[in-house]
Amino acid sequence: MRRFFACVFLSAVPLLAQNHLQGSVPPGAATGPSFEASVGYAYLSMATPTERLGLSGVDANALVKFDSRWAAALDSTFASTGNVLGTGRNGNFLSFMAGPMFYPVVHRKT
């Protein structure tokens, strides 16, 4: 997990440096795919017939845009809670989504 956060941090530093130098350096002739990633806290509230369960966990997603119309997305969430309904068992939730994205309409500022 530390390696993942280190990779995310190390990939963000060059992007910040490029933004700082953007006014003094002319843009390059070629462009490549852009990459976005985020990690955050997730809280899920699930209703059961007797009580409401609160599951806490982590959400992570990534997006790679190849051009103005095509991209690939990855999204994952994991949340858990302990002692569900007094049974002594843990409750877990895992969601994973991945696939291509197509933008049929592209405007200059959106």
N, C-alpha and C. Protein backbone atom coordinates (compact mmCIF):
# COMPACT_ATOMS: atom_id res chain seq x y z
N MET A 1 0.82 -1.17 0.00
CA MET A 1 0.00 0.00 0.00
C MET A 1 0.88 1.26 0.00
N ARG A 2 2.01 1.20 0.74
CA ARG A 2 2.91 2.35 0.75
C ARG A 2 3.50 2.60 -0.63
N ARG A 3 3.78 1.52 -1.34
CA ARG A 3 4.33 1.68 -2.69
C ARG A 3 3.33 2.37 -3.61
N PHE A 4 2.05 2.02 -3.46
CA PHE A 4 1.02 2.64 -4.29
C PHE A 4 0.97 4.15 -4.03
N PHE A 5 0.94 4.55 -2.75
CA PHE A 5 0.89 5.97 -2.43
C PHE A 5 2.16 6.68 -2.88
N ALA A 6 3.31 6.00 -2.79
CA ALA A 6 4.56 6.60 -3.25
C ALA A 6 4.51 6.82 -4.76
N CYS A 7 3.97 5.86 -5.52
CA CYS A 7 3.86 6.02 -6.98
C CYS A 7 2.92 7.17 -7.33
N VAL A 8 1.80 7.28 -6.61
CA VAL A 8 0.86 8.37 -6.88
C VAL A 8 1.53 9.70 -6.58
N PHE A 9 2.24 9.81 -5.45
CA PHE A 9 2.92 11.05 -5.09
C PHE A 9 3.99 11.40 -6.11
N LEU A 10 4.80 10.42 -6.51
CA LEU A 10 5.89 10.69 -7.45
C LEU A 10 5.38 11.04 -8.84
N SER A 11 4.20 10.55 -9.20
CA SER A 11 3.65 10.92 -10.51
C SER A 11 3.00 12.30 -10.46
N ALA A 12 2.60 12.78 -9.28
CA ALA A 12 1.97 14.10 -9.17
C ALA A 12 3.01 15.21 -9.20
N VAL A 13 4.20 14.98 -8.70
CA VAL A 13 5.22 16.03 -8.62
C VAL A 13 5.59 16.57 -10.01
N PRO A 14 5.85 15.74 -11.02
CA PRO A 14 6.15 16.30 -12.35
C PRO A 14 4.98 17.09 -12.94
N LEU A 15 3.75 16.67 -12.64
CA LEU A 15 2.59 17.41 -13.16
C LEU A 15 2.52 18.80 -12.55
N LEU A 16 2.80 18.91 -11.26
CA LEU A 16 2.81 20.23 -10.62
C LEU A 16 3.93 21.10 -11.18
N ALA A 17 5.09 20.50 -11.46
CA ALA A 17 6.20 21.26 -12.02
C ALA A 17 5.86 21.76 -13.42
N GLN A 18 5.18 20.95 -14.21
CA GLN A 18 4.79 21.38 -15.55
C GLN A 18 3.81 22.54 -15.48
N ASN A 19 2.88 22.50 -14.53
CA ASN A 19 1.91 23.58 -14.39
C ASN A 19 2.61 24.87 -13.99
N HIS A 20 3.62 24.79 -13.15
CA HIS A 20 4.36 25.97 -12.71
C HIS A 20 5.13 26.60 -13.88
N LEU A 21 5.68 25.78 -14.75
CA LEU A 21 6.51 26.28 -15.85
C LEU A 21 5.71 26.55 -17.12
N GLN A 22 4.43 26.36 -17.09
CA GLN A 22 3.63 26.46 -18.30
C GLN A 22 3.72 27.84 -18.95
N GLY A 23 3.78 28.92 -18.17
CA GLY A 23 3.82 30.25 -18.75
C GLY A 23 5.14 30.57 -19.42
N SER A 24 6.24 29.94 -19.00
CA SER A 24 7.55 30.30 -19.53
C SER A 24 8.05 29.35 -20.62
N VAL A 25 7.44 28.19 -20.76
CA VAL A 25 7.89 27.21 -21.74
C VAL A 25 6.77 26.99 -22.75
N PRO A 26 7.07 27.06 -24.04
CA PRO A 26 6.01 26.81 -25.02
C PRO A 26 5.54 25.36 -24.95
N PRO A 27 4.27 25.12 -25.29
CA PRO A 27 3.75 23.75 -25.23
C PRO A 27 4.45 22.85 -26.24
N GLY A 28 4.51 21.56 -25.93
CA GLY A 28 5.16 20.59 -26.81
C GLY A 28 4.37 20.34 -28.07
N ALA A 29 5.03 19.78 -29.07
CA ALA A 29 4.37 19.53 -30.35
C ALA A 29 3.45 18.32 -30.28
N ALA A 30 3.75 17.36 -29.42
CA ALA A 30 2.94 16.15 -29.33
C ALA A 30 2.35 16.02 -27.93
N THR A 31 1.20 15.38 -27.86
CA THR A 31 0.59 15.12 -26.56
C THR A 31 0.32 13.64 -26.44
N GLY A 32 0.26 13.16 -25.22
CA GLY A 32 -0.01 11.76 -24.96
C GLY A 32 -1.24 11.62 -24.09
N PRO A 33 -1.49 10.41 -23.64
CA PRO A 33 -2.66 10.18 -22.79
C PRO A 33 -2.52 10.91 -21.45
N SER A 34 -3.64 11.37 -20.92
CA SER A 34 -3.63 11.98 -19.60
C SER A 34 -4.13 10.96 -18.58
N PHE A 35 -3.67 11.09 -17.35
CA PHE A 35 -3.97 10.11 -16.31
C PHE A 35 -4.47 10.83 -15.07
N GLU A 36 -5.56 10.32 -14.48
CA GLU A 36 -6.09 10.83 -13.24
C GLU A 36 -6.28 9.67 -12.28
N ALA A 37 -6.00 9.89 -10.99
CA ALA A 37 -6.20 8.86 -9.98
C ALA A 37 -6.61 9.52 -8.67
N SER A 38 -7.41 8.80 -7.89
CA SER A 38 -7.79 9.31 -6.58
C SER A 38 -8.06 8.15 -5.64
N VAL A 39 -7.85 8.42 -4.36
CA VAL A 39 -8.13 7.46 -3.29
C VAL A 39 -8.84 8.23 -2.20
N GLY A 40 -9.88 7.65 -1.62
CA GLY A 40 -10.63 8.36 -0.59
C GLY A 40 -11.34 7.43 0.36
N TYR A 41 -12.00 8.01 1.32
CA TYR A 41 -12.76 7.30 2.35
C TYR A 41 -14.16 7.02 1.83
N ALA A 42 -14.68 5.83 2.13
CA ALA A 42 -16.03 5.47 1.72
C ALA A 42 -16.84 5.06 2.95
N TYR A 43 -18.09 5.51 3.03
CA TYR A 43 -19.00 5.11 4.09
C TYR A 43 -20.30 4.67 3.44
N LEU A 44 -20.72 3.43 3.71
CA LEU A 44 -21.96 2.90 3.16
C LEU A 44 -22.92 2.63 4.31
N SER A 45 -24.16 3.04 4.16
CA SER A 45 -25.20 2.80 5.15
C SER A 45 -26.20 1.82 4.55
N MET A 46 -26.34 0.66 5.21
CA MET A 46 -27.20 -0.39 4.67
C MET A 46 -28.33 -0.68 5.66
N ALA A 47 -29.57 -0.65 5.19
CA ALA A 47 -30.72 -0.93 6.04
C ALA A 47 -31.00 -2.42 6.07
N THR A 48 -31.23 -2.95 7.27
CA THR A 48 -31.66 -4.34 7.45
C THR A 48 -33.01 -4.30 8.17
N PRO A 49 -33.71 -5.42 8.25
CA PRO A 49 -35.02 -5.39 8.91
C PRO A 49 -34.97 -4.96 10.38
N THR A 50 -33.84 -5.17 11.06
CA THR A 50 -33.79 -4.85 12.49
C THR A 50 -32.97 -3.61 12.82
N GLU A 51 -31.96 -3.30 12.04
CA GLU A 51 -31.11 -2.14 12.32
C GLU A 51 -30.43 -1.65 11.06
N ARG A 52 -29.73 -0.55 11.17
CA ARG A 52 -28.97 0.02 10.04
C ARG A 52 -27.50 -0.25 10.28
N LEU A 53 -26.81 -0.76 9.25
CA LEU A 53 -25.38 -1.06 9.34
C LEU A 53 -24.57 0.04 8.67
N GLY A 54 -23.49 0.44 9.30
CA GLY A 54 -22.58 1.42 8.73
C GLY A 54 -21.27 0.75 8.37
N LEU A 55 -20.92 0.73 7.09
CA LEU A 55 -19.68 0.11 6.63
C LEU A 55 -18.69 1.20 6.25
N SER A 56 -17.46 1.09 6.73
CA SER A 56 -16.41 2.07 6.43
C SER A 56 -15.32 1.40 5.62
N GLY A 57 -14.72 2.16 4.71
CA GLY A 57 -13.66 1.57 3.90
C GLY A 57 -12.97 2.59 3.01
N VAL A 58 -12.50 2.11 1.88
CA VAL A 58 -11.70 2.92 0.96
C VAL A 58 -12.27 2.82 -0.45
N ASP A 59 -12.16 3.93 -1.19
CA ASP A 59 -12.58 3.99 -2.59
C ASP A 59 -11.39 4.47 -3.41
N ALA A 60 -11.13 3.83 -4.53
CA ALA A 60 -10.02 4.22 -5.41
C ALA A 60 -10.51 4.18 -6.85
N ASN A 61 -10.05 5.16 -7.65
CA ASN A 61 -10.40 5.13 -9.07
C ASN A 61 -9.28 5.74 -9.90
N ALA A 62 -9.29 5.38 -11.17
CA ALA A 62 -8.29 5.86 -12.12
C ALA A 62 -8.95 6.05 -13.48
N LEU A 63 -8.43 7.01 -14.23
CA LEU A 63 -8.95 7.31 -15.57
C LEU A 63 -7.78 7.65 -16.47
N VAL A 64 -7.74 7.03 -17.64
CA VAL A 64 -6.73 7.33 -18.65
C VAL A 64 -7.47 7.82 -19.89
N LYS A 65 -7.23 9.09 -20.28
CA LYS A 65 -7.86 9.64 -21.48
C LYS A 65 -6.87 9.55 -22.64
N PHE A 66 -7.25 8.85 -23.68
CA PHE A 66 -6.40 8.65 -24.85
C PHE A 66 -6.50 9.81 -25.83
N ASP A 67 -7.70 10.33 -26.01
CA ASP A 67 -7.93 11.52 -26.82
C ASP A 67 -9.19 12.19 -26.30
N SER A 68 -9.78 13.10 -27.06
CA SER A 68 -10.93 13.84 -26.56
C SER A 68 -12.20 12.99 -26.44
N ARG A 69 -12.25 11.84 -27.10
CA ARG A 69 -13.46 11.01 -27.07
C ARG A 69 -13.31 9.66 -26.37
N TRP A 70 -12.10 9.13 -26.24
CA TRP A 70 -11.91 7.78 -25.70
C TRP A 70 -11.10 7.81 -24.41
N ALA A 71 -11.54 6.96 -23.46
CA ALA A 71 -10.84 6.83 -22.18
C ALA A 71 -11.07 5.42 -21.63
N ALA A 72 -10.29 5.06 -20.62
CA ALA A 72 -10.47 3.80 -19.89
C ALA A 72 -10.58 4.15 -18.41
N ALA A 73 -11.54 3.52 -17.72
CA ALA A 73 -11.80 3.84 -16.32
C ALA A 73 -11.69 2.58 -15.46
N LEU A 74 -11.29 2.80 -14.21
CA LEU A 74 -11.18 1.74 -13.22
C LEU A 74 -11.67 2.32 -11.90
N ASP A 75 -12.61 1.64 -11.22
CA ASP A 75 -13.15 2.13 -9.96
C ASP A 75 -13.36 0.94 -9.03
N SER A 76 -12.95 1.08 -7.77
CA SER A 76 -13.07 0.01 -6.80
C SER A 76 -13.39 0.57 -5.43
N THR A 77 -14.26 -0.12 -4.70
CA THR A 77 -14.63 0.27 -3.34
C THR A 77 -14.62 -0.97 -2.45
N PHE A 78 -14.03 -0.85 -1.26
CA PHE A 78 -14.08 -1.91 -0.26
C PHE A 78 -14.49 -1.29 1.06
N ALA A 79 -15.51 -1.86 1.72
CA ALA A 79 -15.97 -1.39 3.02
C ALA A 79 -16.32 -2.58 3.88
N SER A 80 -16.16 -2.44 5.20
CA SER A 80 -16.47 -3.55 6.10
C SER A 80 -16.96 -3.02 7.45
N THR A 81 -17.59 -3.90 8.19
CA THR A 81 -18.05 -3.62 9.55
C THR A 81 -17.96 -4.91 10.36
N GLY A 82 -17.93 -4.80 11.65
CA GLY A 82 -17.82 -5.98 12.50
C GLY A 82 -19.11 -6.27 13.24
N ASN A 83 -19.29 -7.52 13.67
CA ASN A 83 -20.41 -7.98 14.49
C ASN A 83 -21.76 -7.58 13.90
N VAL A 84 -22.05 -8.11 12.73
CA VAL A 84 -23.31 -7.81 12.04
C VAL A 84 -24.46 -8.48 12.77
N LEU A 85 -25.43 -7.68 13.18
CA LEU A 85 -26.66 -8.13 13.85
C LEU A 85 -26.37 -9.00 15.08
N GLY A 86 -25.26 -8.74 15.75
CA GLY A 86 -24.92 -9.48 16.97
C GLY A 86 -24.48 -10.91 16.73
N THR A 87 -24.11 -11.27 15.51
CA THR A 87 -23.71 -12.64 15.19
C THR A 87 -22.23 -12.88 15.44
N GLY A 88 -21.44 -11.83 15.63
CA GLY A 88 -20.00 -12.00 15.77
C GLY A 88 -19.27 -12.11 14.44
N ARG A 89 -20.00 -12.02 13.35
CA ARG A 89 -19.42 -12.11 12.00
C ARG A 89 -19.20 -10.71 11.43
N ASN A 90 -18.21 -10.60 10.56
CA ASN A 90 -17.94 -9.34 9.87
C ASN A 90 -18.78 -9.24 8.61
N GLY A 91 -19.08 -8.01 8.22
CA GLY A 91 -19.76 -7.76 6.96
C GLY A 91 -18.82 -7.02 6.02
N ASN A 92 -18.69 -7.48 4.80
CA ASN A 92 -17.78 -6.88 3.82
C ASN A 92 -18.53 -6.55 2.54
N PHE A 93 -18.07 -5.49 1.87
CA PHE A 93 -18.63 -5.07 0.60
C PHE A 93 -17.47 -4.77 -0.34
N LEU A 94 -17.49 -5.36 -1.54
CA LEU A 94 -16.46 -5.11 -2.54
C LEU A 94 -17.13 -4.81 -3.87
N SER A 95 -16.76 -3.71 -4.47
CA SER A 95 -17.29 -3.32 -5.77
C SER A 95 -16.11 -3.01 -6.68
N PHE A 96 -16.19 -3.48 -7.93
CA PHE A 96 -15.11 -3.27 -8.89
C PHE A 96 -15.72 -3.02 -10.25
N MET A 97 -15.27 -1.97 -10.92
CA MET A 97 -15.77 -1.64 -12.25
C MET A 97 -14.59 -1.20 -13.13
N ALA A 98 -14.55 -1.71 -14.34
CA ALA A 98 -13.50 -1.32 -15.27
C ALA A 98 -14.06 -1.38 -16.69
N GLY A 99 -13.58 -0.49 -17.54
CA GLY A 99 -14.03 -0.56 -18.92
C GLY A 99 -13.73 0.69 -19.72
N PRO A 100 -14.04 0.63 -21.00
CA PRO A 100 -13.80 1.78 -21.87
C PRO A 100 -14.89 2.84 -21.69
N MET A 101 -14.55 4.07 -22.02
CA MET A 101 -15.51 5.18 -21.99
C MET A 101 -15.46 5.89 -23.33
N PHE A 102 -16.62 6.26 -23.82
CA PHE A 102 -16.73 7.01 -25.08
C PHE A 102 -17.57 8.25 -24.83
N TYR A 103 -17.05 9.42 -25.21
CA TYR A 103 -17.76 10.68 -25.07
C TYR A 103 -18.33 11.05 -26.44
N PRO A 104 -19.66 10.89 -26.67
CA PRO A 104 -20.21 11.17 -28.00
C PRO A 104 -20.21 12.65 -28.37
N VAL A 105 -20.32 13.54 -27.39
CA VAL A 105 -20.34 14.98 -27.64
C VAL A 105 -19.21 15.62 -26.85
N VAL A 106 -18.35 16.35 -27.52
CA VAL A 106 -17.22 17.02 -26.86
C VAL A 106 -17.30 18.50 -27.20
N HIS A 107 -17.36 19.33 -26.15
CA HIS A 107 -17.36 20.78 -26.32
C HIS A 107 -16.04 21.32 -25.82
N ARG A 108 -15.71 22.51 -26.22
CA ARG A 108 -14.41 23.10 -25.89
C ARG A 108 -14.19 23.25 -24.39
N LYS A 109 -15.19 23.65 -23.62
CA LYS A 109 -14.99 23.93 -22.19
C LYS A 109 -15.60 22.88 -21.27
N THR A 110 -16.05 21.77 -21.79
CA THR A 110 -16.62 20.72 -20.92
C THR A 110 -15.91 19.41 -21.14
